[in-house]
PDB file of N, CA and C in Angstrom:
ATOM      1  N   UNK A   1     -16.454  19.358   1.228  1.00  0.00           N
ATOM      2  CA  UNK A   1     -16.458  18.272   2.192  1.00  0.00           C
ATOM      3  C   UNK A   1     -15.074  18.148   2.833  1.00  0.00           C
ATOM      4  N   UNK A   2     -15.096  17.872   4.087  1.00  0.00           N
ATOM      5  CA  UNK A   2     -13.841  17.715   4.803  1.00  0.00           C
ATOM      6  C   UNK A   2     -13.412  16.242   4.802  1.00  0.00           C
ATOM      7  N   UNK A   3     -12.246  16.021   4.283  1.00  0.00           N
ATOM      8  CA  UNK A   3     -11.690  14.656   4.235  1.00  0.00           C
ATOM      9  C   UNK A   3     -10.376  14.583   5.001  1.00  0.00           C
ATOM     10  N   UNK A   4     -10.225  15.481   5.978  1.00  0.00           N
ATOM     11  CA  UNK A   4      -8.951  15.550   6.685  1.00  0.00           C
ATOM     12  C   UNK A   4      -8.647  14.282   7.484  1.00  0.00           C
ATOM     13  N   UNK A   5      -9.675  13.679   8.079  1.00  0.00           N
ATOM     14  CA  UNK A   5      -9.445  12.442   8.825  1.00  0.00           C
ATOM     15  C   UNK A   5      -8.943  11.318   7.948  1.00  0.00           C
ATOM     16  N   UNK A   6      -9.532  11.203   6.760  1.00  0.00           N
ATOM     17  CA  UNK A   6      -9.074  10.182   5.816  1.00  0.00           C
ATOM     18  C   UNK A   6      -7.664  10.479   5.338  1.00  0.00           C
ATOM     19  N   UNK A   7      -7.374  11.743   5.115  1.00  0.00           N
ATOM     20  CA  UNK A   7      -6.034  12.127   4.659  1.00  0.00           C
ATOM     21  C   UNK A   7      -4.991  11.796   5.720  1.00  0.00           C
ATOM     22  N   UNK A   8      -5.287  12.105   6.989  1.00  0.00           N
ATOM     23  CA  UNK A   8      -4.350  11.772   8.069  1.00  0.00           C
ATOM     24  C   UNK A   8      -4.146  10.278   8.183  1.00  0.00           C
ATOM     25  N   UNK A   9      -5.224   9.522   8.095  1.00  0.00           N
ATOM     26  CA  UNK A   9      -5.129   8.067   8.194  1.00  0.00           C
ATOM     27  C   UNK A   9      -4.287   7.504   7.053  1.00  0.00           C
ATOM     28  N   UNK A  10      -4.511   7.982   5.827  1.00  0.00           N
ATOM     29  CA  UNK A  10      -3.754   7.488   4.686  1.00  0.00           C
ATOM     30  C   UNK A  10      -2.287   7.857   4.822  1.00  0.00           C
ATOM     31  N   UNK A  11      -1.992   9.093   5.221  1.00  0.00           N
ATOM     32  CA  UNK A  11      -0.589   9.518   5.399  1.00  0.00           C
ATOM     33  C   UNK A  11       0.127   8.699   6.456  1.00  0.00           C
ATOM     34  N   UNK A  12      -0.489   8.598   7.624  1.00  0.00           N
ATOM     35  CA  UNK A  12       0.169   7.894   8.731  1.00  0.00           C
ATOM     36  C   UNK A  12       0.293   6.400   8.433  1.00  0.00           C
ATOM     37  N   UNK A  13      -0.705   5.830   7.806  1.00  0.00           N
ATOM     38  CA  UNK A  13      -0.624   4.404   7.477  1.00  0.00           C
ATOM     39  C   UNK A  13       0.439   4.136   6.431  1.00  0.00           C
ATOM     40  N   UNK A  14       0.558   5.019   5.456  1.00  0.00           N
ATOM     41  CA  UNK A  14       1.597   4.857   4.428  1.00  0.00           C
ATOM     42  C   UNK A  14       2.984   4.984   5.044  1.00  0.00           C
ATOM     43  N   UNK A  15       3.153   5.933   5.934  1.00  0.00           N
ATOM     44  CA  UNK A  15       4.456   6.075   6.609  1.00  0.00           C
ATOM     45  C   UNK A  15       4.744   4.858   7.486  1.00  0.00           C
ATOM     46  N   UNK A  16       3.735   4.336   8.162  1.00  0.00           N
ATOM     47  CA  UNK A  16       3.890   3.140   8.993  1.00  0.00           C
ATOM     48  C   UNK A  16       4.306   1.938   8.172  1.00  0.00           C
ATOM     49  N   UNK A  17       3.635   1.717   7.054  1.00  0.00           N
ATOM     50  CA  UNK A  17       3.967   0.568   6.190  1.00  0.00           C
ATOM     51  C   UNK A  17       5.362   0.738   5.587  1.00  0.00           C
ATOM     52  N   UNK A  18       5.709   1.958   5.186  1.00  0.00           N
ATOM     53  CA  UNK A  18       7.053   2.193   4.638  1.00  0.00           C
ATOM     54  C   UNK A  18       8.126   1.896   5.681  1.00  0.00           C
ATOM     55  N   UNK A  19       7.884   2.261   6.934  1.00  0.00           N
ATOM     56  CA  UNK A  19       8.839   1.945   8.002  1.00  0.00           C
ATOM     57  C   UNK A  19       8.903   0.449   8.253  1.00  0.00           C
ATOM     58  N   UNK A  20       7.772  -0.238   8.201  1.00  0.00           N
ATOM     59  CA  UNK A  20       7.772  -1.694   8.385  1.00  0.00           C
ATOM     60  C   UNK A  20       8.555  -2.395   7.281  1.00  0.00           C
ATOM     61  N   UNK A  21       8.457  -1.858   6.070  1.00  0.00           N
ATOM     62  CA  UNK A  21       9.170  -2.458   4.940  1.00  0.00           C
ATOM     63  C   UNK A  21      10.650  -2.103   4.921  1.00  0.00           C
ATOM     64  N   UNK A  22      11.076  -1.159   5.771  1.00  0.00           N
ATOM     65  CA  UNK A  22      12.478  -0.809   5.862  1.00  0.00           C
ATOM     66  C   UNK A  22      12.938   0.234   4.870  1.00  0.00           C
ATOM     67  N   UNK A  23      12.011   1.002   4.319  1.00  0.00           N
ATOM     68  CA  UNK A  23      12.386   2.046   3.377  1.00  0.00           C
ATOM     69  C   UNK A  23      12.851   3.276   4.119  1.00  0.00           C
ATOM     70  N   UNK A  24      13.892   3.904   3.573  1.00  0.00           N
ATOM     71  CA  UNK A  24      14.379   5.129   4.168  1.00  0.00           C
ATOM     72  C   UNK A  24      13.499   6.280   3.684  1.00  0.00           C
ATOM     73  N   UNK A  25      12.931   6.991   4.619  1.00  0.00           N
ATOM     74  CA  UNK A  25      12.011   8.069   4.273  1.00  0.00           C
ATOM     75  C   UNK A  25      12.732   9.409   4.414  1.00  0.00           C
ATOM     76  N   UNK A  26      13.102   9.966   3.263  1.00  0.00           N
ATOM     77  CA  UNK A  26      13.689  11.288   3.280  1.00  0.00           C
ATOM     78  C   UNK A  26      12.575  12.320   3.122  1.00  0.00           C
ATOM     79  N   UNK A  27      12.921  13.579   3.110  1.00  0.00           N
ATOM     80  CA  UNK A  27      11.924  14.646   3.052  1.00  0.00           C
ATOM     81  C   UNK A  27      11.112  14.601   1.758  1.00  0.00           C
ATOM     82  N   UNK A  28      11.750  14.240   0.658  1.00  0.00           N
ATOM     83  CA  UNK A  28      11.047  14.205  -0.635  1.00  0.00           C
ATOM     84  C   UNK A  28       9.979  13.129  -0.622  1.00  0.00           C
ATOM     85  N   UNK A  29      10.287  11.957  -0.101  1.00  0.00           N
ATOM     86  CA  UNK A  29       9.292  10.871  -0.055  1.00  0.00           C
ATOM     87  C   UNK A  29       8.133  11.222   0.888  1.00  0.00           C
ATOM     88  N   UNK A  30       8.428  11.852   1.985  1.00  0.00           N
ATOM     89  CA  UNK A  30       7.361  12.220   2.917  1.00  0.00           C
ATOM     90  C   UNK A  30       6.446  13.258   2.286  1.00  0.00           C
ATOM     91  N   UNK A  31       7.007  14.239   1.595  1.00  0.00           N
ATOM     92  CA  UNK A  31       6.194  15.247   0.914  1.00  0.00           C
ATOM     93  C   UNK A  31       5.361  14.610  -0.178  1.00  0.00           C
ATOM     94  N   UNK A  32       5.928  13.660  -0.923  1.00  0.00           N
ATOM     95  CA  UNK A  32       5.160  12.978  -1.961  1.00  0.00           C
ATOM     96  C   UNK A  32       4.018  12.159  -1.364  1.00  0.00           C
ATOM     97  N   UNK A  33       4.260  11.523  -0.225  1.00  0.00           N
ATOM     98  CA  UNK A  33       3.193  10.768   0.437  1.00  0.00           C
ATOM     99  C   UNK A  33       2.060  11.709   0.846  1.00  0.00           C
ATOM    100  N   UNK A  34       2.405  12.873   1.370  1.00  0.00           N
ATOM    101  CA  UNK A  34       1.383  13.839   1.787  1.00  0.00           C
ATOM    102  C   UNK A  34       0.583  14.342   0.580  1.00  0.00           C
ATOM    103  N   UNK A  35       1.256  14.645  -0.517  1.00  0.00           N
ATOM    104  CA  UNK A  35       0.559  15.159  -1.696  1.00  0.00           C
ATOM    105  C   UNK A  35      -0.356  14.102  -2.307  1.00  0.00           C
ATOM    106  N   UNK A  36       0.171  12.892  -2.486  1.00  0.00           N
ATOM    107  CA  UNK A  36      -0.633  11.837  -3.099  1.00  0.00           C
ATOM    108  C   UNK A  36      -1.789  11.427  -2.174  1.00  0.00           C
ATOM    109  N   UNK A  37      -1.536  11.424  -0.862  1.00  0.00           N
ATOM    110  CA  UNK A  37      -2.610  11.114   0.088  1.00  0.00           C
ATOM    111  C   UNK A  37      -3.706  12.161   0.078  1.00  0.00           C
ATOM    112  N   UNK A  38      -3.317  13.421  -0.023  1.00  0.00           N
ATOM    113  CA  UNK A  38      -4.313  14.496  -0.072  1.00  0.00           C
ATOM    114  C   UNK A  38      -5.182  14.381  -1.309  1.00  0.00           C
ATOM    115  N   UNK A  39      -4.564  14.117  -2.447  1.00  0.00           N
ATOM    116  CA  UNK A  39      -5.332  13.958  -3.678  1.00  0.00           C
ATOM    117  C   UNK A  39      -6.194  12.696  -3.642  1.00  0.00           C
ATOM    118  N   UNK A  40      -5.662  11.649  -3.056  1.00  0.00           N
ATOM    119  CA  UNK A  40      -6.421  10.409  -2.945  1.00  0.00           C
ATOM    120  C   UNK A  40      -7.607  10.541  -2.001  1.00  0.00           C
ATOM    121  N   UNK A  41      -7.459  11.328  -0.951  1.00  0.00           N
ATOM    122  CA  UNK A  41      -8.552  11.515  -0.003  1.00  0.00           C
ATOM    123  C   UNK A  41      -9.707  12.296  -0.640  1.00  0.00           C
ATOM    124  N   UNK A  42      -9.405  13.138  -1.587  1.00  0.00           N
ATOM    125  CA  UNK A  42     -10.473  13.878  -2.274  1.00  0.00           C
ATOM    126  C   UNK A  42     -11.313  12.968  -3.151  1.00  0.00           C
ATOM    127  N   UNK A  43     -10.729  11.922  -3.663  1.00  0.00           N
ATOM    128  CA  UNK A  43     -11.444  11.009  -4.560  1.00  0.00           C
ATOM    129  C   UNK A  43     -12.038   9.813  -3.818  1.00  0.00           C
ATOM    130  N   UNK A  44     -11.953   9.816  -2.511  1.00  0.00           N
ATOM    131  CA  UNK A  44     -12.401   8.677  -1.711  1.00  0.00           C
ATOM    132  C   UNK A  44     -13.920   8.628  -1.610  1.00  0.00           C
ATOM    133  N   UNK A  45     -14.527   7.509  -1.954  1.00  0.00           N
ATOM    134  CA  UNK A  45     -15.990   7.407  -1.791  1.00  0.00           C
ATOM    135  C   UNK A  45     -16.368   7.175  -0.337  1.00  0.00           C
ATOM    136  N   UNK A  46     -17.620   7.370  -0.032  1.00  0.00           N
ATOM    137  CA  UNK A  46     -18.101   7.178   1.345  1.00  0.00           C
ATOM    138  C   UNK A  46     -18.479   5.725   1.580  1.00  0.00           C
ATOM    139  N   UNK A  47     -17.496   4.846   1.469  1.00  0.00           N
ATOM    140  CA  UNK A  47     -17.681   3.418   1.630  1.00  0.00           C
ATOM    141  C   UNK A  47     -16.738   2.959   2.738  1.00  0.00           C
ATOM    142  N   UNK A  48     -17.188   2.109   3.637  1.00  0.00           N
ATOM    143  CA  UNK A  48     -16.291   1.615   4.698  1.00  0.00           C
ATOM    144  C   UNK A  48     -15.054   0.922   4.111  1.00  0.00           C
ATOM    145  N   UNK A  49     -13.920   1.195   4.683  1.00  0.00           N
ATOM    146  CA  UNK A  49     -12.622   0.606   4.297  1.00  0.00           C
ATOM    147  C   UNK A  49     -12.166   1.011   2.906  1.00  0.00           C
ATOM    148  N   UNK A  50     -12.681   2.081   2.361  1.00  0.00           N
ATOM    149  CA  UNK A  50     -12.226   2.539   1.047  1.00  0.00           C
ATOM    150  C   UNK A  50     -10.833   3.157   1.135  1.00  0.00           C
ATOM    151  N   UNK A  51     -10.429   3.597   2.311  1.00  0.00           N
ATOM    152  CA  UNK A  51      -9.112   4.195   2.439  1.00  0.00           C
ATOM    153  C   UNK A  51      -7.990   3.182   2.281  1.00  0.00           C
ATOM    154  N   UNK A  52      -8.272   1.903   2.505  1.00  0.00           N
ATOM    155  CA  UNK A  52      -7.258   0.859   2.320  1.00  0.00           C
ATOM    156  C   UNK A  52      -6.829   0.806   0.852  1.00  0.00           C
ATOM    157  N   UNK A  53      -7.773   0.961  -0.050  1.00  0.00           N
ATOM    158  CA  UNK A  53      -7.442   0.949  -1.476  1.00  0.00           C
ATOM    159  C   UNK A  53      -6.560   2.160  -1.817  1.00  0.00           C
ATOM    160  N   UNK A  54      -6.869   3.298  -1.218  1.00  0.00           N
ATOM    161  CA  UNK A  54      -6.058   4.483  -1.460  1.00  0.00           C
ATOM    162  C   UNK A  54      -4.655   4.326  -0.886  1.00  0.00           C
ATOM    163  N   UNK A  55      -4.536   3.657   0.248  1.00  0.00           N
ATOM    164  CA  UNK A  55      -3.202   3.402   0.823  1.00  0.00           C
ATOM    165  C   UNK A  55      -2.379   2.530  -0.120  1.00  0.00           C
ATOM    166  N   UNK A  56      -3.001   1.537  -0.709  1.00  0.00           N
ATOM    167  CA  UNK A  56      -2.289   0.675  -1.666  1.00  0.00           C
ATOM    168  C   UNK A  56      -1.856   1.483  -2.874  1.00  0.00           C
ATOM    169  N   UNK A  57      -2.693   2.404  -3.343  1.00  0.00           N
ATOM    170  CA  UNK A  57      -2.348   3.247  -4.488  1.00  0.00           C
ATOM    171  C   UNK A  57      -1.175   4.162  -4.129  1.00  0.00           C
ATOM    172  N   UNK A  58      -1.192   4.749  -2.945  1.00  0.00           N
ATOM    173  CA  UNK A  58      -0.101   5.632  -2.510  1.00  0.00           C
ATOM    174  C   UNK A  58       1.198   4.853  -2.420  1.00  0.00           C
ATOM    175  N   UNK A  59       1.168   3.678  -1.822  1.00  0.00           N
ATOM    176  CA  UNK A  59       2.380   2.871  -1.675  1.00  0.00           C
ATOM    177  C   UNK A  59       2.927   2.435  -3.025  1.00  0.00           C
ATOM    178  N   UNK A  60       2.048   2.001  -3.906  1.00  0.00           N
ATOM    179  CA  UNK A  60       2.532   1.529  -5.207  1.00  0.00           C
ATOM    180  C   UNK A  60       3.025   2.679  -6.078  1.00  0.00           C
ATOM    181  N   UNK A  61       2.520   3.887  -5.879  1.00  0.00           N
ATOM    182  CA  UNK A  61       3.012   5.016  -6.665  1.00  0.00           C
ATOM    183  C   UNK A  61       4.426   5.426  -6.253  1.00  0.00           C
ATOM    184  N   UNK A  62       4.829   5.065  -5.050  1.00  0.00           N
ATOM    185  CA  UNK A  62       6.176   5.372  -4.578  1.00  0.00           C
ATOM    186  C   UNK A  62       7.084   4.150  -4.570  1.00  0.00           C
ATOM    187  N   UNK A  63       6.667   3.076  -5.238  1.00  0.00           N
ATOM    188  CA  UNK A  63       7.443   1.832  -5.341  1.00  0.00           C
ATOM    189  C   UNK A  63       7.738   1.196  -3.988  1.00  0.00           C
ATOM    190  N   UNK A  64       6.784   1.287  -3.091  1.00  0.00           N
ATOM    191  CA  UNK A  64       6.883   0.647  -1.780  1.00  0.00           C
ATOM    192  C   UNK A  64       5.947  -0.554  -1.818  1.00  0.00           C
ATOM    193  N   UNK A  65       6.444  -1.756  -1.515  1.00  0.00           N
ATOM    194  CA  UNK A  65       5.564  -2.935  -1.538  1.00  0.00           C
ATOM    195  C   UNK A  65       4.438  -2.826  -0.523  1.00  0.00           C
ATOM    196  N   UNK A  66       3.257  -3.237  -0.928  1.00  0.00           N
ATOM    197  CA  UNK A  66       2.078  -3.133  -0.073  1.00  0.00           C
ATOM    198  C   UNK A  66       1.738  -4.485   0.546  1.00  0.00           C
ATOM    199  N   UNK A  67       2.729  -5.286   0.842  1.00  0.00           N
ATOM    200  CA  UNK A  67       2.484  -6.624   1.379  1.00  0.00           C
ATOM    201  C   UNK A  67       1.922  -6.596   2.779  1.00  0.00           C
ATOM    202  N   UNK A  68       2.243  -5.602   3.559  1.00  0.00           N
ATOM    203  CA  UNK A  68       1.838  -5.573   4.968  1.00  0.00           C
ATOM    204  C   UNK A  68       0.584  -4.735   5.226  1.00  0.00           C
ATOM    205  N   UNK A  69      -0.161  -4.449   4.178  1.00  0.00           N
ATOM    206  CA  UNK A  69      -1.409  -3.700   4.349  1.00  0.00           C
ATOM    207  C   UNK A  69      -2.446  -4.561   5.070  1.00  0.00           C
ATOM    208  N   UNK A  70      -2.277  -5.852   5.053  1.00  0.00           N
ATOM    209  CA  UNK A  70      -3.181  -6.747   5.770  1.00  0.00           C
ATOM    210  C   UNK A  70      -3.249  -6.443   7.255  1.00  0.00           C
ATOM    211  N   UNK A  71      -2.174  -5.922   7.834  1.00  0.00           N
ATOM    212  CA  UNK A  71      -2.192  -5.507   9.226  1.00  0.00           C
ATOM    213  C   UNK A  71      -3.212  -4.399   9.432  1.00  0.00           C
ATOM    214  N   UNK A  72      -3.219  -3.437   8.512  1.00  0.00           N
ATOM    215  CA  UNK A  72      -4.182  -2.340   8.614  1.00  0.00           C
ATOM    216  C   UNK A  72      -5.612  -2.801   8.390  1.00  0.00           C
ATOM    217  N   UNK A  73      -5.785  -3.750   7.485  1.00  0.00           N
ATOM    218  CA  UNK A  73      -7.131  -4.267   7.233  1.00  0.00           C
ATOM    219  C   UNK A  73      -7.672  -4.946   8.487  1.00  0.00           C
ATOM    220  N   UNK A  74      -6.824  -5.721   9.140  1.00  0.00           N
ATOM    221  CA  UNK A  74      -7.257  -6.414  10.366  1.00  0.00           C
ATOM    222  C   UNK A  74      -7.568  -5.411  11.478  1.00  0.00           C
ATOM    223  N   UNK A  75      -6.755  -4.395  11.625  1.00  0.00           N
ATOM    224  CA  UNK A  75      -6.999  -3.398  12.676  1.00  0.00           C
ATOM    225  C   UNK A  75      -8.244  -2.568  12.379  1.00  0.00           C
ATOM    226  N   UNK A  76      -8.446  -2.202  11.122  1.00  0.00           N
ATOM    227  CA  UNK A  76      -9.604  -1.404  10.782  1.00  0.00           C
ATOM    228  C   UNK A  76     -10.896  -2.223  10.926  1.00  0.00           C
ATOM    229  N   UNK A  77     -10.824  -3.485  10.563  1.00  0.00           N
ATOM    230  CA  UNK A  77     -12.005  -4.338  10.672  1.00  0.00           C
ATOM    231  C   UNK A  77     -12.349  -4.592  12.146  1.00  0.00           C
ATOM    232  N   UNK A  78     -11.314  -4.715  12.987  1.00  0.00           N
ATOM    233  CA  UNK A  78     -11.517  -4.979  14.412  1.00  0.00           C
ATOM    234  C   UNK A  78     -12.168  -3.796  15.122  1.00  0.00           C
ATOM    235  N   UNK A  79     -11.745  -2.594  14.734  1.00  0.00           N
ATOM    236  CA  UNK A  79     -12.284  -1.399  15.412  1.00  0.00           C
ATOM    237  C   UNK A  79     -13.533  -1.042  14.740  1.00  0.00           C
TER     238      UNK A  79
END
């Protein structure tokens, strides 16, 4: 099964939230986000908005606060 769309969404959303929180993203953190997002996308069920939970898992695994994920929830619900 192809989960590339979910993987891209999780990666880009995690990078967006990290930038909003003011975290400095070096190459190691970006690579870790890509790896964890890829593995998380493989375990993603076919349920609407399930990728939000994976984004929270990715952010918490890198010690990035997930306080601003509500922005993504509102945008995903709106579209």
